[in-house]
Structure formats: structure tokens, C-alpha cells
Amino acid sequence: MPLELHRQGLPLTEITRLLGLDRKSVRRHIAKGLELPAYGPRVRRSKGVSPFLPYLRERLAAYTGLTAVRL
């Protein structure tokens, strides 16, 4: 996309404003003759605490004054 816009004669600052990218990134892609990579949705990672959630909820229910930091 930045390469096409550059070929149409748009200035670098206008291209960066339209695409919402950093000026140096756009300049690098234009210099190399590359298009922007198309990224897909990221895979959600499970949290490290997930296996312990039932235990943590049980402890918080048993001790209402207990904070997450102390737990």
C-alpha cells in the first residue's frame, strides 16, 4: 500500500498519516519496494494462572478479607 501511494505521488508525511504508521517504517518499505505484510489475528495464549483459578476462587470465598497479593 505505501508503495502504491508513493507511485501516485503522495508525500511521505501524507502516506504515514493515512496508514497510521511510523515515517521510518514507510520509508523503509518504499526503499525496498515492499508492501506491508498482512498479519492475521493473533492466537490467544492461555494465562499461567488458569489451572489454579478454581483453587484461588475457593480461597477468596473462604477468606473474604484476603487480598490477591497476599493470596
PDB file of N, CA and C in Angstrom:
ATOM      1  N   MET A   1       0.803  -1.189   0.000  1.00  0.00           N
ATOM      2  CA  MET A   1       0.000   0.000   0.000  1.00  0.00           C
ATOM      3  C   MET A   1       0.859   1.272   0.000  1.00  0.00           C
ATOM      4  N   PRO A   2       1.904   1.363   0.848  1.00  0.00           N
ATOM      5  CA  PRO A   2       2.695   2.594   0.804  1.00  0.00           C
ATOM      6  C   PRO A   2       3.400   2.775  -0.526  1.00  0.00           C
ATOM      7  N   LEU A   3       3.802   1.677  -1.141  1.00  0.00           N
ATOM      8  CA  LEU A   3       4.479   1.772  -2.433  1.00  0.00           C
ATOM      9  C   LEU A   3       3.529   2.307  -3.503  1.00  0.00           C
ATOM     10  N   GLU A   4       2.299   1.838  -3.495  1.00  0.00           N
ATOM     11  CA  GLU A   4       1.311   2.325  -4.457  1.00  0.00           C
ATOM     12  C   GLU A   4       1.032   3.812  -4.255  1.00  0.00           C
ATOM     13  N   LEU A   5       0.883   4.218  -2.995  1.00  0.00           N
ATOM     14  CA  LEU A   5       0.625   5.625  -2.707  1.00  0.00           C
ATOM     15  C   LEU A   5       1.814   6.492  -3.106  1.00  0.00           C
ATOM     16  N   HIS A   6       3.012   5.976  -2.912  1.00  0.00           N
ATOM     17  CA  HIS A   6       4.215   6.711  -3.304  1.00  0.00           C
ATOM     18  C   HIS A   6       4.275   6.873  -4.820  1.00  0.00           C
ATOM     19  N   ARG A   7       3.906   5.824  -5.541  1.00  0.00           N
ATOM     20  CA  ARG A   7       3.900   5.890  -7.013  1.00  0.00           C
ATOM     21  C   ARG A   7       2.856   6.871  -7.527  1.00  0.00           C
ATOM     22  N   GLN A   8       1.795   7.068  -6.747  1.00  0.00           N
ATOM     23  CA  GLN A   8       0.772   8.033  -7.141  1.00  0.00           C
ATOM     24  C   GLN A   8       1.207   9.469  -6.866  1.00  0.00           C
ATOM     25  N   GLY A   9       2.332   9.635  -6.188  1.00  0.00           N
ATOM     26  CA  GLY A   9       2.880  10.960  -5.957  1.00  0.00           C
ATOM     27  C   GLY A   9       2.560  11.568  -4.607  1.00  0.00           C
ATOM     28  N   LEU A  10       2.002  10.796  -3.696  1.00  0.00           N
ATOM     29  CA  LEU A  10       1.725  11.335  -2.365  1.00  0.00           C
ATOM     30  C   LEU A  10       3.019  11.505  -1.580  1.00  0.00           C
ATOM     31  N   PRO A  11       3.148  12.591  -0.832  1.00  0.00           N
ATOM     32  CA  PRO A  11       4.342  12.767   0.001  1.00  0.00           C
ATOM     33  C   PRO A  11       4.366  11.771   1.156  1.00  0.00           C
ATOM     34  N   LEU A  12       5.554  11.561   1.659  1.00  0.00           N
ATOM     35  CA  LEU A  12       5.770  10.590   2.733  1.00  0.00           C
ATOM     36  C   LEU A  12       4.920  10.902   3.969  1.00  0.00           C
ATOM     37  N   THR A  13       4.827  12.166   4.333  1.00  0.00           N
ATOM     38  CA  THR A  13       4.056  12.520   5.522  1.00  0.00           C
ATOM     39  C   THR A  13       2.571  12.202   5.341  1.00  0.00           C
ATOM     40  N   GLU A  14       2.061  12.389   4.150  1.00  0.00           N
ATOM     41  CA  GLU A  14       0.655  12.080   3.884  1.00  0.00           C
ATOM     42  C   GLU A  14       0.412  10.572   3.925  1.00  0.00           C
ATOM     43  N   ILE A  15       1.365   9.793   3.419  1.00  0.00           N
ATOM     44  CA  ILE A  15       1.240   8.332   3.451  1.00  0.00           C
ATOM     45  C   ILE A  15       1.228   7.842   4.894  1.00  0.00           C
ATOM     46  N   THR A  16       2.115   8.376   5.718  1.00  0.00           N
ATOM     47  CA  THR A  16       2.165   7.953   7.120  1.00  0.00           C
ATOM     48  C   THR A  16       0.882   8.335   7.851  1.00  0.00           C
ATOM     49  N   ARG A  17       0.340   9.490   7.529  1.00  0.00           N
ATOM     50  CA  ARG A  17      -0.897   9.928   8.167  1.00  0.00           C
ATOM     51  C   ARG A  17      -2.066   9.033   7.757  1.00  0.00           C
ATOM     52  N   LEU A  18      -2.133   8.668   6.492  1.00  0.00           N
ATOM     53  CA  LEU A  18      -3.221   7.811   6.009  1.00  0.00           C
ATOM     54  C   LEU A  18      -3.162   6.405   6.600  1.00  0.00           C
ATOM     55  N   LEU A  19      -1.961   5.856   6.690  1.00  0.00           N
ATOM     56  CA  LEU A  19      -1.808   4.478   7.139  1.00  0.00           C
ATOM     57  C   LEU A  19      -1.641   4.355   8.645  1.00  0.00           C
ATOM     58  N   GLY A  20      -1.326   5.450   9.314  1.00  0.00           N
ATOM     59  CA  GLY A  20      -1.133   5.402  10.752  1.00  0.00           C
ATOM     60  C   GLY A  20       0.140   4.665  11.140  1.00  0.00           C
ATOM     61  N   LEU A  21       1.161   4.780  10.310  1.00  0.00           N
ATOM     62  CA  LEU A  21       2.431   4.097  10.560  1.00  0.00           C
ATOM     63  C   LEU A  21       3.528   5.114  10.821  1.00  0.00           C
ATOM     64  N   ASP A  22       4.643   4.620  11.324  1.00  0.00           N
ATOM     65  CA  ASP A  22       5.799   5.466  11.558  1.00  0.00           C
ATOM     66  C   ASP A  22       6.444   5.844  10.228  1.00  0.00           C
ATOM     67  N   ARG A  23       6.967   7.048  10.175  1.00  0.00           N
ATOM     68  CA  ARG A  23       7.586   7.573   8.961  1.00  0.00           C
ATOM     69  C   ARG A  23       8.758   6.707   8.500  1.00  0.00           C
ATOM     70  N   LYS A  24       9.560   6.224   9.465  1.00  0.00           N
ATOM     71  CA  LYS A  24      10.720   5.405   9.104  1.00  0.00           C
ATOM     72  C   LYS A  24      10.305   4.057   8.532  1.00  0.00           C
ATOM     73  N   SER A  25       9.231   3.497   9.031  1.00  0.00           N
ATOM     74  CA  SER A  25       8.751   2.214   8.507  1.00  0.00           C
ATOM     75  C   SER A  25       8.276   2.363   7.068  1.00  0.00           C
ATOM     76  N   VAL A  26       7.536   3.432   6.819  1.00  0.00           N
ATOM     77  CA  VAL A  26       7.041   3.662   5.462  1.00  0.00           C
ATOM     78  C   VAL A  26       8.206   3.912   4.516  1.00  0.00           C
ATOM     79  N   ARG A  27       9.173   4.687   4.951  1.00  0.00           N
ATOM     80  CA  ARG A  27      10.333   4.976   4.109  1.00  0.00           C
ATOM     81  C   ARG A  27      11.103   3.691   3.782  1.00  0.00           C
ATOM     82  N   ARG A  28      11.260   2.811   4.775  1.00  0.00           N
ATOM     83  CA  ARG A  28      11.971   1.550   4.562  1.00  0.00           C
ATOM     84  C   ARG A  28      11.236   0.665   3.564  1.00  0.00           C
ATOM     85  N   HIS A  29       9.918   0.572   3.674  1.00  0.00           N
ATOM     86  CA  HIS A  29       9.152  -0.258   2.745  1.00  0.00           C
ATOM     87  C   HIS A  29       9.193   0.302   1.327  1.00  0.00           C
ATOM     88  N   ILE A  30       9.164   1.603   1.192  1.00  0.00           N
ATOM     89  CA  ILE A  30       9.251   2.215  -0.135  1.00  0.00           C
ATOM     90  C   ILE A  30      10.625   1.974  -0.734  1.00  0.00           C
ATOM     91  N   ALA A  31      11.683   2.131   0.061  1.00  0.00           N
ATOM     92  CA  ALA A  31      13.052   1.950  -0.433  1.00  0.00           C
ATOM     93  C   ALA A  31      13.299   0.518  -0.895  1.00  0.00           C
ATOM     94  N   LYS A  32      12.735  -0.452  -0.180  1.00  0.00           N
ATOM     95  CA  LYS A  32      12.934  -1.858  -0.541  1.00  0.00           C
ATOM     96  C   LYS A  32      11.945  -2.321  -1.606  1.00  0.00           C
ATOM     97  N   GLY A  33      10.955  -1.491  -1.919  1.00  0.00           N
ATOM     98  CA  GLY A  33       9.949  -1.877  -2.899  1.00  0.00           C
ATOM     99  C   GLY A  33       9.002  -2.928  -2.381  1.00  0.00           C
ATOM    100  N   LEU A  34       8.772  -2.932  -1.064  1.00  0.00           N
ATOM    101  CA  LEU A  34       7.930  -3.947  -0.442  1.00  0.00           C
ATOM    102  C   LEU A  34       6.566  -3.379  -0.085  1.00  0.00           C
ATOM    103  N   GLU A  35       5.602  -4.265  -0.015  1.00  0.00           N
ATOM    104  CA  GLU A  35       4.291  -3.910   0.513  1.00  0.00           C
ATOM    105  C   GLU A  35       4.254  -4.281   1.993  1.00  0.00           C
ATOM    106  N   LEU A  36       3.312  -3.758   2.703  1.00  0.00           N
ATOM    107  CA  LEU A  36       3.178  -4.080   4.118  1.00  0.00           C
ATOM    108  C   LEU A  36       2.749  -5.530   4.283  1.00  0.00           C
ATOM    109  N   PRO A  37       3.305  -6.238   5.238  1.00  0.00           N
ATOM    110  CA  PRO A  37       2.875  -7.621   5.461  1.00  0.00           C
ATOM    111  C   PRO A  37       1.450  -7.655   5.996  1.00  0.00           C
ATOM    112  N   ALA A  38       0.713  -8.638   5.570  1.00  0.00           N
ATOM    113  CA  ALA A  38      -0.667  -8.804   6.045  1.00  0.00           C
ATOM    114  C   ALA A  38      -0.645  -9.741   7.244  1.00  0.00           C
ATOM    115  N   TYR A  39      -0.954  -9.207   8.394  1.00  0.00           N
ATOM    116  CA  TYR A  39      -0.962 -10.008   9.604  1.00  0.00           C
ATOM    117  C   TYR A  39      -2.374 -10.508   9.855  1.00  0.00           C
ATOM    118  N   GLY A  40      -2.472 -11.741  10.289  1.00  0.00           N
ATOM    119  CA  GLY A  40      -3.763 -12.318  10.640  1.00  0.00           C
ATOM    120  C   GLY A  40      -4.034 -12.120  12.114  1.00  0.00           C
ATOM    121  N   PRO A  41      -5.161 -12.608  12.576  1.00  0.00           N
ATOM    122  CA  PRO A  41      -5.441 -12.478  14.011  1.00  0.00           C
ATOM    123  C   PRO A  41      -4.465 -13.309  14.834  1.00  0.00           C
ATOM    124  N   ARG A  42      -4.111 -12.791  15.975  1.00  0.00           N
ATOM    125  CA  ARG A  42      -3.159 -13.483  16.841  1.00  0.00           C
ATOM    126  C   ARG A  42      -3.862 -14.576  17.638  1.00  0.00           C
ATOM    127  N   VAL A  43      -3.108 -15.604  17.923  1.00  0.00           N
ATOM    128  CA  VAL A  43      -3.630 -16.706  18.719  1.00  0.00           C
ATOM    129  C   VAL A  43      -3.593 -16.302  20.187  1.00  0.00           C
ATOM    130  N   ARG A  44      -4.708 -16.474  20.883  1.00  0.00           N
ATOM    131  CA  ARG A  44      -4.754 -16.126  22.296  1.00  0.00           C
ATOM    132  C   ARG A  44      -4.027 -17.184  23.104  1.00  0.00           C
ATOM    133  N   ARG A  45      -3.140 -16.734  23.953  1.00  0.00           N
ATOM    134  CA  ARG A  45      -2.402 -17.642  24.819  1.00  0.00           C
ATOM    135  C   ARG A  45      -3.145 -17.797  26.129  1.00  0.00           C
ATOM    136  N   SER A  46      -3.047 -18.965  26.679  1.00  0.00           N
ATOM    137  CA  SER A  46      -3.665 -19.168  27.983  1.00  0.00           C
ATOM    138  C   SER A  46      -2.780 -18.540  29.051  1.00  0.00           C
ATOM    139  N   LYS A  47      -3.395 -18.082  30.088  1.00  0.00           N
ATOM    140  CA  LYS A  47      -2.653 -17.452  31.175  1.00  0.00           C
ATOM    141  C   LYS A  47      -2.071 -18.528  32.081  1.00  0.00           C
ATOM    142  N   GLY A  48      -0.971 -18.244  32.701  1.00  0.00           N
ATOM    143  CA  GLY A  48      -0.309 -19.211  33.568  1.00  0.00           C
ATOM    144  C   GLY A  48      -1.097 -19.557  34.814  1.00  0.00           C
ATOM    145  N   VAL A  49      -2.034 -18.692  35.184  1.00  0.00           N
ATOM    146  CA  VAL A  49      -2.796 -18.900  36.404  1.00  0.00           C
ATOM    147  C   VAL A  49      -4.067 -19.721  36.137  1.00  0.00           C
ATOM    148  N   SER A  50      -4.411 -19.944  34.883  1.00  0.00           N
ATOM    149  CA  SER A  50      -5.667 -20.616  34.532  1.00  0.00           C
ATOM    150  C   SER A  50      -5.884 -21.955  35.240  1.00  0.00           C
ATOM    151  N   PRO A  51      -4.899 -22.829  35.348  1.00  0.00           N
ATOM    152  CA  PRO A  51      -5.149 -24.106  36.025  1.00  0.00           C
ATOM    153  C   PRO A  51      -5.483 -23.957  37.512  1.00  0.00           C
ATOM    154  N   PHE A  52      -5.130 -22.842  38.104  1.00  0.00           N
ATOM    155  CA  PHE A  52      -5.305 -22.639  39.541  1.00  0.00           C
ATOM    156  C   PHE A  52      -6.528 -21.802  39.896  1.00  0.00           C
ATOM    157  N   LEU A  53      -7.299 -21.368  38.900  1.00  0.00           N
ATOM    158  CA  LEU A  53      -8.436 -20.492  39.172  1.00  0.00           C
ATOM    159  C   LEU A  53      -9.455 -21.100  40.141  1.00  0.00           C
ATOM    160  N   PRO A  54      -9.846 -22.368  40.002  1.00  0.00           N
ATOM    161  CA  PRO A  54     -10.807 -22.911  40.976  1.00  0.00           C
ATOM    162  C   PRO A  54     -10.286 -22.833  42.423  1.00  0.00           C
ATOM    163  N   TYR A  55      -9.036 -23.164  42.626  1.00  0.00           N
ATOM    164  CA  TYR A  55      -8.445 -23.095  43.969  1.00  0.00           C
ATOM    165  C   TYR A  55      -8.435 -21.656  44.473  1.00  0.00           C
ATOM    166  N   LEU A  56      -8.043 -20.719  43.616  1.00  0.00           N
ATOM    167  CA  LEU A  56      -7.971 -19.324  44.033  1.00  0.00           C
ATOM    168  C   LEU A  56      -9.349 -18.780  44.396  1.00  0.00           C
ATOM    169  N   ARG A  57     -10.355 -19.133  43.610  1.00  0.00           N
ATOM    170  CA  ARG A  57     -11.714 -18.690  43.914  1.00  0.00           C
ATOM    171  C   ARG A  57     -12.196 -19.278  45.243  1.00  0.00           C
ATOM    172  N   GLU A  58     -11.854 -20.528  45.486  1.00  0.00           N
ATOM    173  CA  GLU A  58     -12.232 -21.184  46.741  1.00  0.00           C
ATOM    174  C   GLU A  58     -11.594 -20.467  47.930  1.00  0.00           C
ATOM    175  N   ARG A  59     -10.320 -20.142  47.828  1.00  0.00           N
ATOM    176  CA  ARG A  59      -9.616 -19.464  48.911  1.00  0.00           C
ATOM    177  C   ARG A  59     -10.190 -18.067  49.139  1.00  0.00           C
ATOM    178  N   LEU A  60     -10.490 -17.343  48.061  1.00  0.00           N
ATOM    179  CA  LEU A  60     -11.043 -15.995  48.206  1.00  0.00           C
ATOM    180  C   LEU A  60     -12.437 -16.039  48.835  1.00  0.00           C
ATOM    181  N   ALA A  61     -13.214 -17.082  48.508  1.00  0.00           N
ATOM    182  CA  ALA A  61     -14.546 -17.219  49.105  1.00  0.00           C
ATOM    183  C   ALA A  61     -14.438 -17.570  50.591  1.00  0.00           C
ATOM    184  N   ALA A  62     -13.453 -18.384  50.957  1.00  0.00           N
ATOM    185  CA  ALA A  62     -13.289 -18.803  52.347  1.00  0.00           C
ATOM    186  C   ALA A  62     -12.776 -17.659  53.224  1.00  0.00           C
ATOM    187  N   TYR A  63     -11.908 -16.835  52.690  1.00  0.00           N
ATOM    188  CA  TYR A  63     -11.305 -15.736  53.448  1.00  0.00           C
ATOM    189  C   TYR A  63     -11.619 -14.430  52.726  1.00  0.00           C
ATOM    190  N   THR A  64     -12.710 -13.799  53.075  1.00  0.00           N
ATOM    191  CA  THR A  64     -13.171 -12.597  52.360  1.00  0.00           C
ATOM    192  C   THR A  64     -12.220 -11.414  52.512  1.00  0.00           C
ATOM    193  N   GLY A  65     -11.457 -11.358  53.569  1.00  0.00           N
ATOM    194  CA  GLY A  65     -10.533 -10.242  53.777  1.00  0.00           C
ATOM    195  C   GLY A  65      -9.200 -10.438  53.085  1.00  0.00           C
ATOM    196  N   LEU A  66      -9.015 -11.559  52.441  1.00  0.00           N
ATOM    197  CA  LEU A  66      -7.759 -11.882  51.791  1.00  0.00           C
ATOM    198  C   LEU A  66      -7.628 -11.120  50.467  1.00  0.00           C
ATOM    199  N   THR A  67      -6.482 -10.502  50.267  1.00  0.00           N
ATOM    200  CA  THR A  67      -6.254  -9.789  49.010  1.00  0.00           C
ATOM    201  C   THR A  67      -5.537 -10.702  48.037  1.00  0.00           C
ATOM    202  N   ALA A  68      -5.575 -10.331  46.780  1.00  0.00           N
ATOM    203  CA  ALA A  68      -4.907 -11.125  45.753  1.00  0.00           C
ATOM    204  C   ALA A  68      -3.406 -11.143  45.967  1.00  0.00           C
ATOM    205  N   VAL A  69      -2.849 -10.071  46.475  1.00  0.00           N
ATOM    206  CA  VAL A  69      -1.413 -10.006  46.724  1.00  0.00           C
ATOM    207  C   VAL A  69      -1.008 -10.990  47.813  1.00  0.00           C
ATOM    208  N   ARG A  70      -1.778 -11.037  48.878  1.00  0.00           N
ATOM    209  CA  ARG A  70      -1.471 -11.938  49.995  1.00  0.00           C
ATOM    210  C   ARG A  70      -1.727 -13.387  49.613  1.00  0.00           C
ATOM    211  N   LEU A  71      -2.687 -13.614  48.719  1.00  0.00           N
ATOM    212  CA  LEU A  71      -3.009 -14.971  48.300  1.00  0.00           C
ATOM    213  C   LEU A  71      -1.839 -15.561  47.546  1.00  0.00           C
TER     214      LEU A  71
END
